[in-house]
Amino acid sequence: MHTLTIKAVITADHTLTVPVPADVLPGVHQVTVMIEEAPLAPEPGSLMDWPAHDAALVDPRNTFRREDLYGDDGR
């Protein structure tokens, strides 16, 4: 029997994602889950602190094709 103290992610659609150590064998296991009343505060510098960024191209006309970047001579 393993006793794990780990951090898990619960998404907006109420799905729980839990990483387990490599020594836990694949298969069906009985798992007991205890959830604290309030979510943990993000650790300083964690990815949860990073702001979201719009990943769209600056100008949709830019394709960044090789021909556009290097011209006709291939350089």
PDB file of N, CA and C in Angstrom:
ATOM      1  N   MET A   1       0.845  -1.171   0.000  1.00  0.00           N
ATOM      2  CA  MET A   1       0.000   0.000   0.000  1.00  0.00           C
ATOM      3  C   MET A   1       0.893   1.238   0.000  1.00  0.00           C
ATOM      4  N   HIS A   2       0.558   2.216  -0.858  1.00  0.00           N
ATOM      5  CA  HIS A   2       1.288   3.476  -0.939  1.00  0.00           C
ATOM      6  C   HIS A   2       0.462   4.569  -0.288  1.00  0.00           C
ATOM      7  N   THR A   3       1.099   5.429   0.471  1.00  0.00           N
ATOM      8  CA  THR A   3       0.461   6.654   0.942  1.00  0.00           C
ATOM      9  C   THR A   3       1.139   7.792   0.214  1.00  0.00           C
ATOM     10  N   LEU A   4       0.376   8.532  -0.580  1.00  0.00           N
ATOM     11  CA  LEU A   4       0.915   9.610  -1.393  1.00  0.00           C
ATOM     12  C   LEU A   4       0.372  10.948  -0.914  1.00  0.00           C
ATOM     13  N   THR A   5       1.224  11.933  -0.814  1.00  0.00           N
ATOM     14  CA  THR A   5       0.803  13.309  -0.622  1.00  0.00           C
ATOM     15  C   THR A   5       1.267  14.046  -1.865  1.00  0.00           C
ATOM     16  N   ILE A   6       0.329  14.363  -2.723  1.00  0.00           N
ATOM     17  CA  ILE A   6       0.659  14.954  -4.019  1.00  0.00           C
ATOM     18  C   ILE A   6      -0.285  16.107  -4.304  1.00  0.00           C
ATOM     19  N   LYS A   7       0.069  16.914  -5.294  1.00  0.00           N
ATOM     20  CA  LYS A   7      -0.808  17.975  -5.758  1.00  0.00           C
ATOM     21  C   LYS A   7      -1.510  17.480  -7.008  1.00  0.00           C
ATOM     22  N   ALA A   8      -2.802  17.720  -7.084  1.00  0.00           N
ATOM     23  CA  ALA A   8      -3.598  17.291  -8.223  1.00  0.00           C
ATOM     24  C   ALA A   8      -4.305  18.509  -8.808  1.00  0.00           C
ATOM     25  N   VAL A   9      -4.748  18.386 -10.039  1.00  0.00           N
ATOM     26  CA  VAL A   9      -5.457  19.459 -10.726  1.00  0.00           C
ATOM     27  C   VAL A   9      -6.915  19.052 -10.886  1.00  0.00           C
ATOM     28  N   ILE A  10      -7.816  19.936 -10.469  1.00  0.00           N
ATOM     29  CA  ILE A  10      -9.244  19.739 -10.708  1.00  0.00           C
ATOM     30  C   ILE A  10      -9.662  20.814 -11.689  1.00  0.00           C
ATOM     31  N   THR A  11     -10.137  20.402 -12.855  1.00  0.00           N
ATOM     32  CA  THR A  11     -10.499  21.343 -13.912  1.00  0.00           C
ATOM     33  C   THR A  11     -11.910  21.872 -13.707  1.00  0.00           C
ATOM     34  N   ALA A  12     -12.287  22.839 -14.554  1.00  0.00           N
ATOM     35  CA  ALA A  12     -13.614  23.452 -14.461  1.00  0.00           C
ATOM     36  C   ALA A  12     -14.733  22.443 -14.704  1.00  0.00           C
ATOM     37  N   ASP A  13     -14.444  21.376 -15.453  1.00  0.00           N
ATOM     38  CA  ASP A  13     -15.478  20.369 -15.694  1.00  0.00           C
ATOM     39  C   ASP A  13     -15.445  19.263 -14.627  1.00  0.00           C
ATOM     40  N   HIS A  14     -14.791  19.561 -13.489  1.00  0.00           N
ATOM     41  CA  HIS A  14     -14.753  18.683 -12.318  1.00  0.00           C
ATOM     42  C   HIS A  14     -14.056  17.347 -12.589  1.00  0.00           C
ATOM     43  N   THR A  15     -12.978  17.412 -13.364  1.00  0.00           N
ATOM     44  CA  THR A  15     -12.157  16.242 -13.626  1.00  0.00           C
ATOM     45  C   THR A  15     -10.899  16.342 -12.770  1.00  0.00           C
ATOM     46  N   LEU A  16     -10.549  15.266 -12.104  1.00  0.00           N
ATOM     47  CA  LEU A  16      -9.376  15.224 -11.246  1.00  0.00           C
ATOM     48  C   LEU A  16      -8.241  14.537 -11.993  1.00  0.00           C
ATOM     49  N   THR A  17      -7.085  15.205 -12.073  1.00  0.00           N
ATOM     50  CA  THR A  17      -5.897  14.636 -12.701  1.00  0.00           C
ATOM     51  C   THR A  17      -4.840  14.477 -11.625  1.00  0.00           C
ATOM     52  N   VAL A  18      -4.366  13.236 -11.446  1.00  0.00           N
ATOM     53  CA  VAL A  18      -3.414  12.936 -10.381  1.00  0.00           C
ATOM     54  C   VAL A  18      -2.221  12.193 -10.960  1.00  0.00           C
ATOM     55  N   PRO A  19      -1.021  12.738 -10.840  1.00  0.00           N
ATOM     56  CA  PRO A  19       0.164  11.977 -11.235  1.00  0.00           C
ATOM     57  C   PRO A  19       0.529  10.982 -10.139  1.00  0.00           C
ATOM     58  N   VAL A  20       0.947   9.801 -10.530  1.00  0.00           N
ATOM     59  CA  VAL A  20       1.364   8.793  -9.549  1.00  0.00           C
ATOM     60  C   VAL A  20       2.804   8.389  -9.828  1.00  0.00           C
ATOM     61  N   PRO A  21       3.514   7.917  -8.817  1.00  0.00           N
ATOM     62  CA  PRO A  21       4.902   7.503  -9.010  1.00  0.00           C
ATOM     63  C   PRO A  21       5.014   6.323  -9.980  1.00  0.00           C
ATOM     64  N   ALA A  22       6.193   6.154 -10.535  1.00  0.00           N
ATOM     65  CA  ALA A  22       6.433   5.099 -11.519  1.00  0.00           C
ATOM     66  C   ALA A  22       6.303   3.697 -10.927  1.00  0.00           C
ATOM     67  N   ASP A  23       6.453   3.561  -9.619  1.00  0.00           N
ATOM     68  CA  ASP A  23       6.379   2.221  -9.026  1.00  0.00           C
ATOM     69  C   ASP A  23       4.945   1.757  -8.771  1.00  0.00           C
ATOM     70  N   VAL A  24       3.945   2.567  -9.092  1.00  0.00           N
ATOM     71  CA  VAL A  24       2.550   2.140  -8.998  1.00  0.00           C
ATOM     72  C   VAL A  24       2.214   1.382 -10.278  1.00  0.00           C
ATOM     73  N   LEU A  25       1.815   0.141 -10.130  1.00  0.00           N
ATOM     74  CA  LEU A  25       1.552  -0.703 -11.293  1.00  0.00           C
ATOM     75  C   LEU A  25       0.272  -0.277 -12.010  1.00  0.00           C
ATOM     76  N   PRO A  26       0.255  -0.365 -13.342  1.00  0.00           N
ATOM     77  CA  PRO A  26      -0.976  -0.080 -14.082  1.00  0.00           C
ATOM     78  C   PRO A  26      -2.063  -1.076 -13.714  1.00  0.00           C
ATOM     79  N   GLY A  27      -3.295  -0.659 -13.805  1.00  0.00           N
ATOM     80  CA  GLY A  27      -4.405  -1.547 -13.496  1.00  0.00           C
ATOM     81  C   GLY A  27      -5.443  -0.844 -12.652  1.00  0.00           C
ATOM     82  N   VAL A  28      -6.390  -1.607 -12.175  1.00  0.00           N
ATOM     83  CA  VAL A  28      -7.471  -1.072 -11.356  1.00  0.00           C
ATOM     84  C   VAL A  28      -7.007  -1.041  -9.908  1.00  0.00           C
ATOM     85  N   HIS A  29      -7.151   0.119  -9.272  1.00  0.00           N
ATOM     86  CA  HIS A  29      -6.753   0.291  -7.875  1.00  0.00           C
ATOM     87  C   HIS A  29      -7.906   0.921  -7.104  1.00  0.00           C
ATOM     88  N   GLN A  30      -7.986   0.620  -5.831  1.00  0.00           N
ATOM     89  CA  GLN A  30      -8.921   1.328  -4.959  1.00  0.00           C
ATOM     90  C   GLN A  30      -8.179   2.545  -4.432  1.00  0.00           C
ATOM     91  N   VAL A  31      -8.777   3.725  -4.622  1.00  0.00           N
ATOM     92  CA  VAL A  31      -8.128   4.979  -4.255  1.00  0.00           C
ATOM     93  C   VAL A  31      -9.043   5.741  -3.320  1.00  0.00           C
ATOM     94  N   THR A  32      -8.505   6.266  -2.241  1.00  0.00           N
ATOM     95  CA  THR A  32      -9.255   7.123  -1.327  1.00  0.00           C
ATOM     96  C   THR A  32      -8.759   8.548  -1.527  1.00  0.00           C
ATOM     97  N   VAL A  33      -9.671   9.477  -1.765  1.00  0.00           N
ATOM     98  CA  VAL A  33      -9.311  10.866  -2.031  1.00  0.00           C
ATOM     99  C   VAL A  33      -9.859  11.744  -0.915  1.00  0.00           C
ATOM    100  N   MET A  34      -9.001  12.587  -0.350  1.00  0.00           N
ATOM    101  CA  MET A  34      -9.423  13.572   0.637  1.00  0.00           C
ATOM    102  C   MET A  34      -9.056  14.943   0.081  1.00  0.00           C
ATOM    103  N   ILE A  35     -10.037  15.810  -0.072  1.00  0.00           N
ATOM    104  CA  ILE A  35      -9.798  17.121  -0.667  1.00  0.00           C
ATOM    105  C   ILE A  35      -9.947  18.179   0.414  1.00  0.00           C
ATOM    106  N   GLU A  36      -8.943  19.069   0.502  1.00  0.00           N
ATOM    107  CA  GLU A  36      -8.992  20.176   1.452  1.00  0.00           C
ATOM    108  C   GLU A  36     -10.123  21.128   1.071  1.00  0.00           C
ATOM    109  N   GLU A  37     -10.605  21.884   2.041  1.00  0.00           N
ATOM    110  CA  GLU A  37     -11.734  22.793   1.807  1.00  0.00           C
ATOM    111  C   GLU A  37     -11.421  23.859   0.759  1.00  0.00           C
ATOM    112  N   ALA A  38     -10.246  24.459   0.820  1.00  0.00           N
ATOM    113  CA  ALA A  38      -9.883  25.543  -0.106  1.00  0.00           C
ATOM    114  C   ALA A  38      -8.727  25.085  -0.992  1.00  0.00           C
ATOM    115  N   PRO A  39      -8.704  25.547  -2.244  1.00  0.00           N
ATOM    116  CA  PRO A  39      -7.574  25.211  -3.118  1.00  0.00           C
ATOM    117  C   PRO A  39      -6.271  25.783  -2.570  1.00  0.00           C
ATOM    118  N   LEU A  40      -5.170  25.146  -2.894  1.00  0.00           N
ATOM    119  CA  LEU A  40      -3.858  25.643  -2.502  1.00  0.00           C
ATOM    120  C   LEU A  40      -3.545  26.922  -3.258  1.00  0.00           C
ATOM    121  N   ALA A  41      -2.826  27.811  -2.622  1.00  0.00           N
ATOM    122  CA  ALA A  41      -2.351  29.017  -3.311  1.00  0.00           C
ATOM    123  C   ALA A  41      -1.237  28.599  -4.264  1.00  0.00           C
ATOM    124  N   PRO A  42      -1.180  29.205  -5.442  1.00  0.00           N
ATOM    125  CA  PRO A  42      -0.105  28.846  -6.376  1.00  0.00           C
ATOM    126  C   PRO A  42       1.264  29.158  -5.774  1.00  0.00           C
ATOM    127  N   GLU A  43       2.208  28.298  -6.068  1.00  0.00           N
ATOM    128  CA  GLU A  43       3.568  28.538  -5.604  1.00  0.00           C
ATOM    129  C   GLU A  43       4.160  29.699  -6.390  1.00  0.00           C
ATOM    130  N   PRO A  44       4.979  30.534  -5.752  1.00  0.00           N
ATOM    131  CA  PRO A  44       5.596  31.645  -6.485  1.00  0.00           C
ATOM    132  C   PRO A  44       6.402  31.128  -7.668  1.00  0.00           C
ATOM    133  N   GLY A  45       6.193  31.729  -8.809  1.00  0.00           N
ATOM    134  CA  GLY A  45       6.909  31.330 -10.010  1.00  0.00           C
ATOM    135  C   GLY A  45       6.316  30.138 -10.727  1.00  0.00           C
ATOM    136  N   SER A  46       5.173  29.626 -10.267  1.00  0.00           N
ATOM    137  CA  SER A  46       4.570  28.481 -10.942  1.00  0.00           C
ATOM    138  C   SER A  46       3.893  28.941 -12.230  1.00  0.00           C
ATOM    139  N   LEU A  47       3.606  28.010 -13.100  1.00  0.00           N
ATOM    140  CA  LEU A  47       2.951  28.351 -14.372  1.00  0.00           C
ATOM    141  C   LEU A  47       1.573  28.946 -14.165  1.00  0.00           C
ATOM    142  N   MET A  48       0.939  28.669 -13.026  1.00  0.00           N
ATOM    143  CA  MET A  48      -0.384  29.217 -12.759  1.00  0.00           C
ATOM    144  C   MET A  48      -0.331  30.740 -12.601  1.00  0.00           C
ATOM    145  N   ASP A  49       0.843  31.297 -12.285  1.00  0.00           N
ATOM    146  CA  ASP A  49       1.003  32.738 -12.116  1.00  0.00           C
ATOM    147  C   ASP A  49       1.194  33.457 -13.441  1.00  0.00           C
ATOM    148  N   TRP A  50       1.526  32.738 -14.483  1.00  0.00           N
ATOM    149  CA  TRP A  50       1.826  33.377 -15.757  1.00  0.00           C
ATOM    150  C   TRP A  50       0.551  33.876 -16.415  1.00  0.00           C
ATOM    151  N   PRO A  51       0.589  35.056 -17.004  1.00  0.00           N
ATOM    152  CA  PRO A  51      -0.606  35.554 -17.691  1.00  0.00           C
ATOM    153  C   PRO A  51      -0.823  34.812 -19.010  1.00  0.00           C
ATOM    154  N   ALA A  52      -2.058  34.776 -19.445  1.00  0.00           N
ATOM    155  CA  ALA A  52      -2.373  34.155 -20.735  1.00  0.00           C
ATOM    156  C   ALA A  52      -1.952  35.107 -21.850  1.00  0.00           C
ATOM    157  N   HIS A  53      -1.510  34.539 -22.956  1.00  0.00           N
ATOM    158  CA  HIS A  53      -1.081  35.341 -24.104  1.00  0.00           C
ATOM    159  C   HIS A  53      -1.862  34.919 -25.337  1.00  0.00           C
ATOM    160  N   ASP A  54      -2.196  35.900 -26.138  1.00  0.00           N
ATOM    161  CA  ASP A  54      -2.834  35.616 -27.410  1.00  0.00           C
ATOM    162  C   ASP A  54      -1.745  35.172 -28.376  1.00  0.00           C
ATOM    163  N   ALA A  55      -1.862  33.972 -28.896  1.00  0.00           N
ATOM    164  CA  ALA A  55      -0.813  33.412 -29.742  1.00  0.00           C
ATOM    165  C   ALA A  55      -1.070  33.630 -31.232  1.00  0.00           C
ATOM    166  N   ALA A  56      -1.951  34.548 -31.567  1.00  0.00           N
ATOM    167  CA  ALA A  56      -2.238  34.819 -32.975  1.00  0.00           C
ATOM    168  C   ALA A  56      -1.051  35.547 -33.611  1.00  0.00           C
ATOM    169  N   LEU A  57      -0.927  35.413 -34.929  1.00  0.00           N
ATOM    170  CA  LEU A  57       0.124  36.124 -35.643  1.00  0.00           C
ATOM    171  C   LEU A  57      -0.105  37.627 -35.539  1.00  0.00           C
ATOM    172  N   VAL A  58       0.984  38.377 -35.549  1.00  0.00           N
ATOM    173  CA  VAL A  58       0.882  39.830 -35.475  1.00  0.00           C
ATOM    174  C   VAL A  58       0.084  40.359 -36.657  1.00  0.00           C
ATOM    175  N   ASP A  59       0.385  39.868 -37.818  1.00  0.00           N
ATOM    176  CA  ASP A  59      -0.328  40.263 -39.031  1.00  0.00           C
ATOM    177  C   ASP A  59      -0.727  38.972 -39.743  1.00  0.00           C
ATOM    178  N   PRO A  60      -2.021  38.711 -39.928  1.00  0.00           N
ATOM    179  CA  PRO A  60      -2.438  37.451 -40.550  1.00  0.00           C
ATOM    180  C   PRO A  60      -1.899  37.248 -41.964  1.00  0.00           C
ATOM    181  N   ARG A  61      -1.434  38.318 -42.591  1.00  0.00           N
ATOM    182  CA  ARG A  61      -0.865  38.180 -43.942  1.00  0.00           C
ATOM    183  C   ARG A  61       0.526  37.567 -43.898  1.00  0.00           C
ATOM    184  N   ASN A  62       1.186  37.560 -42.743  1.00  0.00           N
ATOM    185  CA  ASN A  62       2.510  36.948 -42.616  1.00  0.00           C
ATOM    186  C   ASN A  62       2.344  35.435 -42.560  1.00  0.00           C
ATOM    187  N   THR A  63       2.989  34.749 -43.468  1.00  0.00           N
ATOM    188  CA  THR A  63       2.895  33.294 -43.511  1.00  0.00           C
ATOM    189  C   THR A  63       4.153  32.622 -42.983  1.00  0.00           C
ATOM    190  N   PHE A  64       5.266  33.343 -42.993  1.00  0.00           N
ATOM    191  CA  PHE A  64       6.551  32.821 -42.557  1.00  0.00           C
ATOM    192  C   PHE A  64       6.958  31.588 -43.350  1.00  0.00           C
ATOM    193  N   ARG A  65       6.565  31.582 -44.635  1.00  0.00           N
ATOM    194  CA  ARG A  65       7.028  30.506 -45.518  1.00  0.00           C
ATOM    195  C   ARG A  65       8.502  30.716 -45.802  1.00  0.00           C
ATOM    196  N   ARG A  66       9.198  29.638 -46.118  1.00  0.00           N
ATOM    197  CA  ARG A  66      10.635  29.726 -46.398  1.00  0.00           C
ATOM    198  C   ARG A  66      10.917  30.719 -47.525  1.00  0.00           C
ATOM    199  N   GLU A  67      10.086  30.695 -48.556  1.00  0.00           N
ATOM    200  CA  GLU A  67      10.283  31.595 -49.693  1.00  0.00           C
ATOM    201  C   GLU A  67      10.133  33.054 -49.268  1.00  0.00           C
ATOM    202  N   ASP A  68       9.230  33.311 -48.328  1.00  0.00           N
ATOM    203  CA  ASP A  68       9.032  34.685 -47.865  1.00  0.00           C
ATOM    204  C   ASP A  68      10.187  35.139 -46.985  1.00  0.00           C
ATOM    205  N   LEU A  69      10.753  34.241 -46.213  1.00  0.00           N
ATOM    206  CA  LEU A  69      11.820  34.606 -45.305  1.00  0.00           C
ATOM    207  C   LEU A  69      13.165  34.766 -46.014  1.00  0.00           C
ATOM    208  N   TYR A  70      13.468  33.877 -46.967  1.00  0.00           N
ATOM    209  CA  TYR A  70      14.799  33.831 -47.553  1.00  0.00           C
ATOM    210  C   TYR A  70      14.880  34.301 -48.989  1.00  0.00           C
ATOM    211  N   GLY A  71      13.767  34.539 -49.647  1.00  0.00           N
ATOM    212  CA  GLY A  71      13.808  35.019 -51.022  1.00  0.00           C
ATOM    213  C   GLY A  71      14.006  33.880 -52.005  1.00  0.00           C
ATOM    214  N   ASP A  72      14.307  34.232 -53.230  1.00  0.00           N
ATOM    215  CA  ASP A  72      14.410  33.267 -54.312  1.00  0.00           C
ATOM    216  C   ASP A  72      15.708  32.450 -54.294  1.00  0.00           C
ATOM    217  N   ASP A  73      16.753  32.982 -53.658  1.00  0.00           N
ATOM    218  CA  ASP A  73      18.036  32.274 -53.683  1.00  0.00           C
ATOM    219  C   ASP A  73      18.171  31.242 -52.566  1.00  0.00           C
ATOM    220  N   GLY A  74      17.168  31.089 -51.731  1.00  0.00           N
ATOM    221  CA  GLY A  74      17.191  30.052 -50.710  1.00  0.00           C
ATOM    222  C   GLY A  74      17.963  30.401 -49.455  1.00  0.00           C
ATOM    223  N   ARG A  75      18.400  31.648 -49.345  1.00  0.00           N
ATOM    224  CA  ARG A  75      19.161  32.048 -48.147  1.00  0.00           C
ATOM    225  C   ARG A  75      18.466  33.154 -47.440  1.00  0.00           C
TER     226      ARG A  75
END
